[in-house]
């Protein structure tokens, strides 16, 4: 383990002592030439294993929905090897693939291949990534009673979230761009509580993911994550 993480707590669980360092954004999401200076955090065995399982799935399937140039190279050069090691997933993707008509970045419809996708795993991973980034940028551990909520949002939903959440008042703001646009994020921290934060992520140029394939308005391009007290989330969910 790197000496800089020795004796640190794991920010993913905020409880156990770290046994190793972890790349908050897994190296396998990036081409080998784009893996320099990725943010790291300490991690315990349990969280490291849990995060790795999510990463093994997502590093294989996310390049299919990527609109960034590196996603295409990743899909052609690295994904086949991963599918070769995961025969069950390979069969599932083949069985579930469809030819669909979907809009490109300019809004023009074109035929493309759509594959089945477990979106909850993406949200689970990014909830862990957010905990890592909160520690990386501000050395804040999310204590008991705090949670992370992550959701994929449509372009329309993204604008609403930006207007509502990314307001001028903030204790601090951070930005990151890793792999020349492979992962881009922005985060803001509340003035009165360092454990309340909001994050916006674009992955592979904005993932083309749909809840309902025939409905273009269901296209999800970004992820929004929020951290804060469980009581506050419960109140918002009741009012929603």
Protein backbone atom coordinates (compact mmCIF):
# COMPACT_ATOMS: atom_id res chain seq x y z
CA UNK A 1 0.00 0.00 0.00
CA UNK A 2 1.20 3.51 -0.78
CA UNK A 3 2.58 5.25 2.31
CA UNK A 4 0.26 8.21 1.73
CA UNK A 5 -2.74 5.95 2.49
CA UNK A 6 -1.27 4.20 5.52
CA UNK A 7 -3.53 4.54 8.56
CA UNK A 8 -6.32 6.20 6.56
CA UNK A 9 -9.97 5.21 6.76
CA UNK A 10 -11.76 3.94 3.66
CA UNK A 11 -13.98 6.78 2.34
CA UNK A 12 -16.28 4.36 0.53
CA UNK A 13 -17.61 3.00 3.84
CA UNK A 14 -16.20 5.67 6.21
CA UNK A 15 -15.58 2.88 8.74
CA UNK A 16 -12.84 0.36 8.01
CA UNK A 17 -9.11 0.95 7.78
CA UNK A 18 -7.68 1.02 4.28
CA UNK A 19 -5.51 -1.85 3.07
CA UNK A 20 -4.62 -0.46 -0.36
CA UNK A 21 -5.04 2.47 -2.71
CA UNK A 22 -7.76 2.65 -5.35
CA UNK A 23 -8.19 4.58 -8.57
CA UNK A 24 -11.52 6.35 -8.06
CA UNK A 25 -12.10 6.04 -11.82
CA UNK A 26 -10.85 2.57 -12.73
CA UNK A 27 -7.89 2.57 -15.10
CA UNK A 28 -9.68 0.09 -17.39
CA UNK A 29 -12.20 2.77 -18.42
CA UNK A 30 -9.36 4.58 -20.19
CA UNK A 31 -7.02 3.76 -23.04
CA UNK A 32 -3.51 2.89 -21.79
CA UNK A 33 -2.19 6.22 -23.08
CA UNK A 34 -4.80 8.18 -21.05
CA UNK A 35 -4.32 6.72 -17.56
CA UNK A 36 -1.94 9.26 -16.06
CA UNK A 37 -2.79 11.28 -12.93
CA UNK A 38 -6.09 9.59 -12.12
CA UNK A 39 -7.40 10.51 -8.64
CA UNK A 40 -6.89 7.90 -5.92
CA UNK A 41 -8.33 7.11 -2.51
CA UNK A 42 -7.63 4.61 0.27
CA UNK A 43 -9.88 1.56 0.35
CA UNK A 44 -10.65 -1.44 2.55
CA UNK A 45 -10.85 -5.00 1.18
CA UNK A 46 -14.64 -5.19 1.27
CA UNK A 47 -15.24 -1.93 -0.59
CA UNK A 48 -12.41 -2.67 -3.03
CA UNK A 49 -14.01 -6.01 -3.96
CA UNK A 50 -17.49 -4.53 -4.25
CA UNK A 51 -16.29 -1.68 -6.46
CA UNK A 52 -14.20 -4.03 -8.62
CA UNK A 53 -17.24 -6.21 -9.41
CA UNK A 54 -19.16 -3.17 -10.62
CA UNK A 55 -16.16 -1.98 -12.64
CA UNK A 56 -15.67 -5.36 -14.34
CA UNK A 57 -19.22 -5.16 -15.69
CA UNK A 58 -19.24 -1.47 -16.57
CA UNK A 59 -15.83 -1.30 -18.26
CA UNK A 60 -17.20 -3.95 -20.62
CA UNK A 61 -20.60 -2.47 -21.47
CA UNK A 62 -20.24 1.33 -21.21
CA UNK A 63 -18.07 1.72 -24.34
CA UNK A 64 -21.05 0.43 -26.38
CA UNK A 65 -22.98 3.58 -25.44
CA UNK A 66 -20.10 6.02 -25.58
CA UNK A 67 -19.99 9.00 -27.93
CA UNK A 68 -16.36 9.88 -27.26
CA UNK A 69 -13.63 8.86 -29.73
CA UNK A 70 -11.77 6.87 -27.10
CA UNK A 71 -14.91 4.83 -26.39
CA UNK A 72 -14.84 3.52 -29.97
CA UNK A 73 -11.18 2.56 -29.68
CA UNK A 74 -11.85 0.96 -26.30
CA UNK A 75 -14.77 -0.96 -27.80
CA UNK A 76 -12.68 -2.27 -30.68
CA UNK A 77 -9.41 -3.01 -28.89
CA UNK A 78 -10.23 -3.83 -25.26
CA UNK A 79 -13.87 -4.91 -24.90
CA UNK A 80 -13.49 -8.14 -26.98
CA UNK A 81 -10.86 -9.42 -24.52
CA UNK A 82 -13.15 -8.67 -21.58
CA UNK A 83 -16.08 -10.42 -23.23
CA UNK A 84 -13.84 -13.40 -23.95
CA UNK A 85 -13.28 -13.74 -20.20
CA UNK A 86 -16.99 -13.35 -19.36
CA UNK A 87 -18.88 -15.80 -21.55
CA UNK A 88 -22.13 -15.43 -19.60
CA UNK A 89 -22.23 -11.66 -20.12
CA UNK A 90 -21.26 -12.08 -23.79
CA UNK A 91 -24.19 -14.43 -24.37
CA UNK A 92 -26.58 -12.12 -22.51
CA UNK A 93 -25.57 -9.14 -24.64
CA UNK A 94 -25.92 -11.10 -27.89
CA UNK A 95 -29.32 -12.46 -26.89
CA UNK A 96 -30.64 -9.04 -25.92
CA UNK A 97 -29.26 -6.86 -28.70
CA UNK A 98 -31.65 -5.02 -31.00
CA UNK A 99 -31.42 -2.87 -34.13
CA UNK A 100 -33.06 0.44 -33.27
CA UNK A 101 -33.43 3.92 -34.70
CA UNK A 102 -31.89 6.46 -32.34
CA UNK A 103 -30.85 10.13 -32.60
CA UNK A 104 -27.18 11.03 -32.94
CA UNK A 105 -25.58 14.11 -31.34
CA UNK A 106 -27.17 16.35 -33.99
CA UNK A 107 -30.61 14.83 -33.40
CA UNK A 108 -30.67 12.92 -36.70
CA UNK A 109 -32.02 9.39 -36.48
CA UNK A 110 -29.84 6.49 -37.56
CA UNK A 111 -29.94 2.75 -37.14
CA UNK A 112 -27.72 1.38 -34.42
CA UNK A 113 -27.36 -1.66 -32.17
CA UNK A 114 -28.76 -1.41 -28.66
CA UNK A 115 -27.74 -3.82 -25.90
CA UNK A 116 -29.40 -4.59 -22.56
CA UNK A 117 -27.90 -2.62 -19.70
CA UNK A 118 -28.17 -2.87 -15.91
CA UNK A 119 -28.44 0.83 -15.09
CA UNK A 120 -28.58 0.25 -11.34
CA UNK A 121 -24.96 -0.93 -11.43
CA UNK A 122 -23.91 2.36 -13.02
CA UNK A 123 -25.69 4.28 -10.28
CA UNK A 124 -24.15 2.06 -7.58
CA UNK A 125 -20.64 2.60 -8.93
CA UNK A 126 -21.04 6.36 -9.18
CA UNK A 127 -22.36 6.52 -5.65
CA UNK A 128 -19.03 4.99 -4.61
CA UNK A 129 -17.08 7.27 -6.95
CA UNK A 130 -18.74 10.30 -5.35
CA UNK A 131 -17.69 9.16 -1.88
CA UNK A 132 -14.14 8.84 -3.20
CA UNK A 133 -14.22 12.31 -4.78
CA UNK A 134 -15.64 13.94 -1.64
CA UNK A 135 -12.63 12.54 0.22
CA UNK A 136 -10.14 13.27 -2.59
CA UNK A 137 -11.06 16.93 -2.95
CA UNK A 138 -12.12 17.87 0.58
CA UNK A 139 -10.95 15.05 2.89
CA UNK A 140 -14.54 14.61 4.03
CA UNK A 141 -15.92 11.24 5.17
CA UNK A 142 -19.68 10.83 4.86
CA UNK A 143 -20.68 9.85 8.37
CA UNK A 144 -23.53 7.64 9.56
CA UNK A 145 -26.83 9.20 8.62
CA UNK A 146 -25.49 10.50 5.29
CA UNK A 147 -26.18 8.89 1.94
CA UNK A 148 -25.52 9.26 -1.79
CA UNK A 149 -28.20 9.29 -4.45
CA UNK A 150 -27.23 8.96 -8.12
CA UNK A 151 -29.53 9.12 -11.14
CA UNK A 152 -29.14 9.15 -14.90
CA UNK A 153 -30.84 12.25 -16.29
CA UNK A 154 -32.07 13.27 -19.71
CA UNK A 155 -30.76 16.43 -21.34
CA UNK A 156 -33.91 18.25 -20.21
CA UNK A 157 -33.53 16.91 -16.69
CA UNK A 158 -29.88 17.97 -16.68
CA UNK A 159 -30.80 21.59 -17.36
CA UNK A 160 -33.34 21.52 -14.53
CA UNK A 161 -30.76 20.05 -12.14
CA UNK A 162 -28.15 22.60 -13.13
CA UNK A 163 -30.53 25.51 -12.55
CA UNK A 164 -31.67 24.12 -9.22
CA UNK A 165 -28.47 22.68 -7.78
CA UNK A 166 -25.48 24.47 -9.26
CA UNK A 167 -26.27 27.89 -7.87
CA UNK A 168 -23.61 30.54 -7.21
CA UNK A 169 -23.44 30.02 -3.44
CA UNK A 170 -21.09 27.19 -2.50
CA UNK A 171 -18.29 26.56 -0.04
CA UNK A 172 -16.14 25.20 -2.87
CA UNK A 173 -16.36 23.97 -6.45
CA UNK A 174 -14.19 21.41 -8.24
CA UNK A 175 -13.86 20.16 -11.79
CA UNK A 176 -12.12 17.22 -13.38
CA UNK A 177 -11.41 16.03 -16.92
CA UNK A 178 -9.67 12.67 -17.20
CA UNK A 179 -8.68 10.87 -20.37
CA UNK A 180 -9.22 13.96 -22.54
CA UNK A 181 -12.98 13.92 -22.03
CA UNK A 182 -13.49 10.25 -21.16
CA UNK A 183 -14.71 11.29 -17.69
CA UNK A 184 -15.71 14.90 -17.01
CA UNK A 185 -17.20 16.02 -13.72
CA UNK A 186 -18.14 19.08 -11.70
CA UNK A 187 -18.84 19.16 -7.98
CA UNK A 188 -20.10 21.75 -5.51
CA UNK A 189 -20.07 21.69 -1.70
CA UNK A 190 -22.68 23.34 0.52
CA UNK A 191 -21.64 26.28 2.70
CA UNK A 192 -23.26 25.11 5.92
CA UNK A 193 -22.50 21.36 5.76
CA UNK A 194 -19.39 19.91 4.04
CA UNK A 195 -21.20 16.57 3.71
CA UNK A 196 -23.83 18.06 1.40
CA UNK A 197 -22.51 18.02 -2.16
CA UNK A 198 -23.82 17.77 -5.72
CA UNK A 199 -22.05 16.31 -8.76
CA UNK A 200 -22.53 16.22 -12.50
CA UNK A 201 -20.82 13.55 -14.64
CA UNK A 202 -20.38 12.99 -18.37
CA UNK A 203 -18.94 9.60 -19.31
CA UNK A 204 -17.51 8.81 -22.75
CA UNK A 205 -18.90 12.04 -24.17
CA UNK A 206 -22.39 11.48 -22.73
CA UNK A 207 -23.71 7.92 -22.68
CA UNK A 208 -26.55 7.08 -25.06
CA UNK A 209 -28.81 5.13 -22.69
CA UNK A 210 -32.58 4.81 -22.94
CA UNK A 211 -35.27 3.80 -20.48
CA UNK A 212 -37.63 3.41 -23.44
CA UNK A 213 -35.97 2.84 -26.82
CA UNK A 214 -38.81 4.18 -29.02
CA UNK A 215 -38.94 7.40 -26.96
CA UNK A 216 -36.08 9.80 -27.82
CA UNK A 217 -36.97 12.02 -24.87
CA UNK A 218 -35.89 9.19 -22.54
CA UNK A 219 -32.26 9.47 -23.68
CA UNK A 220 -30.04 9.72 -20.61
CA UNK A 221 -26.76 11.48 -21.24
CA UNK A 222 -25.37 12.49 -17.81
CA UNK A 223 -25.41 11.42 -14.20
CA UNK A 224 -26.29 13.62 -11.24
CA UNK A 225 -25.25 12.63 -7.71
CA UNK A 226 -26.10 14.25 -4.39
CA UNK A 227 -24.79 13.58 -0.91
CA UNK A 228 -26.49 14.63 2.29
CA UNK A 229 -28.40 13.58 5.41
CA UNK A 230 -30.77 10.64 5.00
CA UNK A 231 -33.53 12.69 6.63
CA UNK A 232 -33.27 15.32 3.90
CA UNK A 233 -33.48 12.70 1.13
CA UNK A 234 -36.49 11.11 2.81
CA UNK A 235 -38.24 14.47 2.95
CA UNK A 236 -37.50 15.23 -0.73
CA UNK A 237 -38.72 11.76 -1.79
CA UNK A 238 -41.97 12.24 0.15
CA UNK A 239 -42.56 15.59 -1.53
CA UNK A 240 -41.66 14.36 -5.02
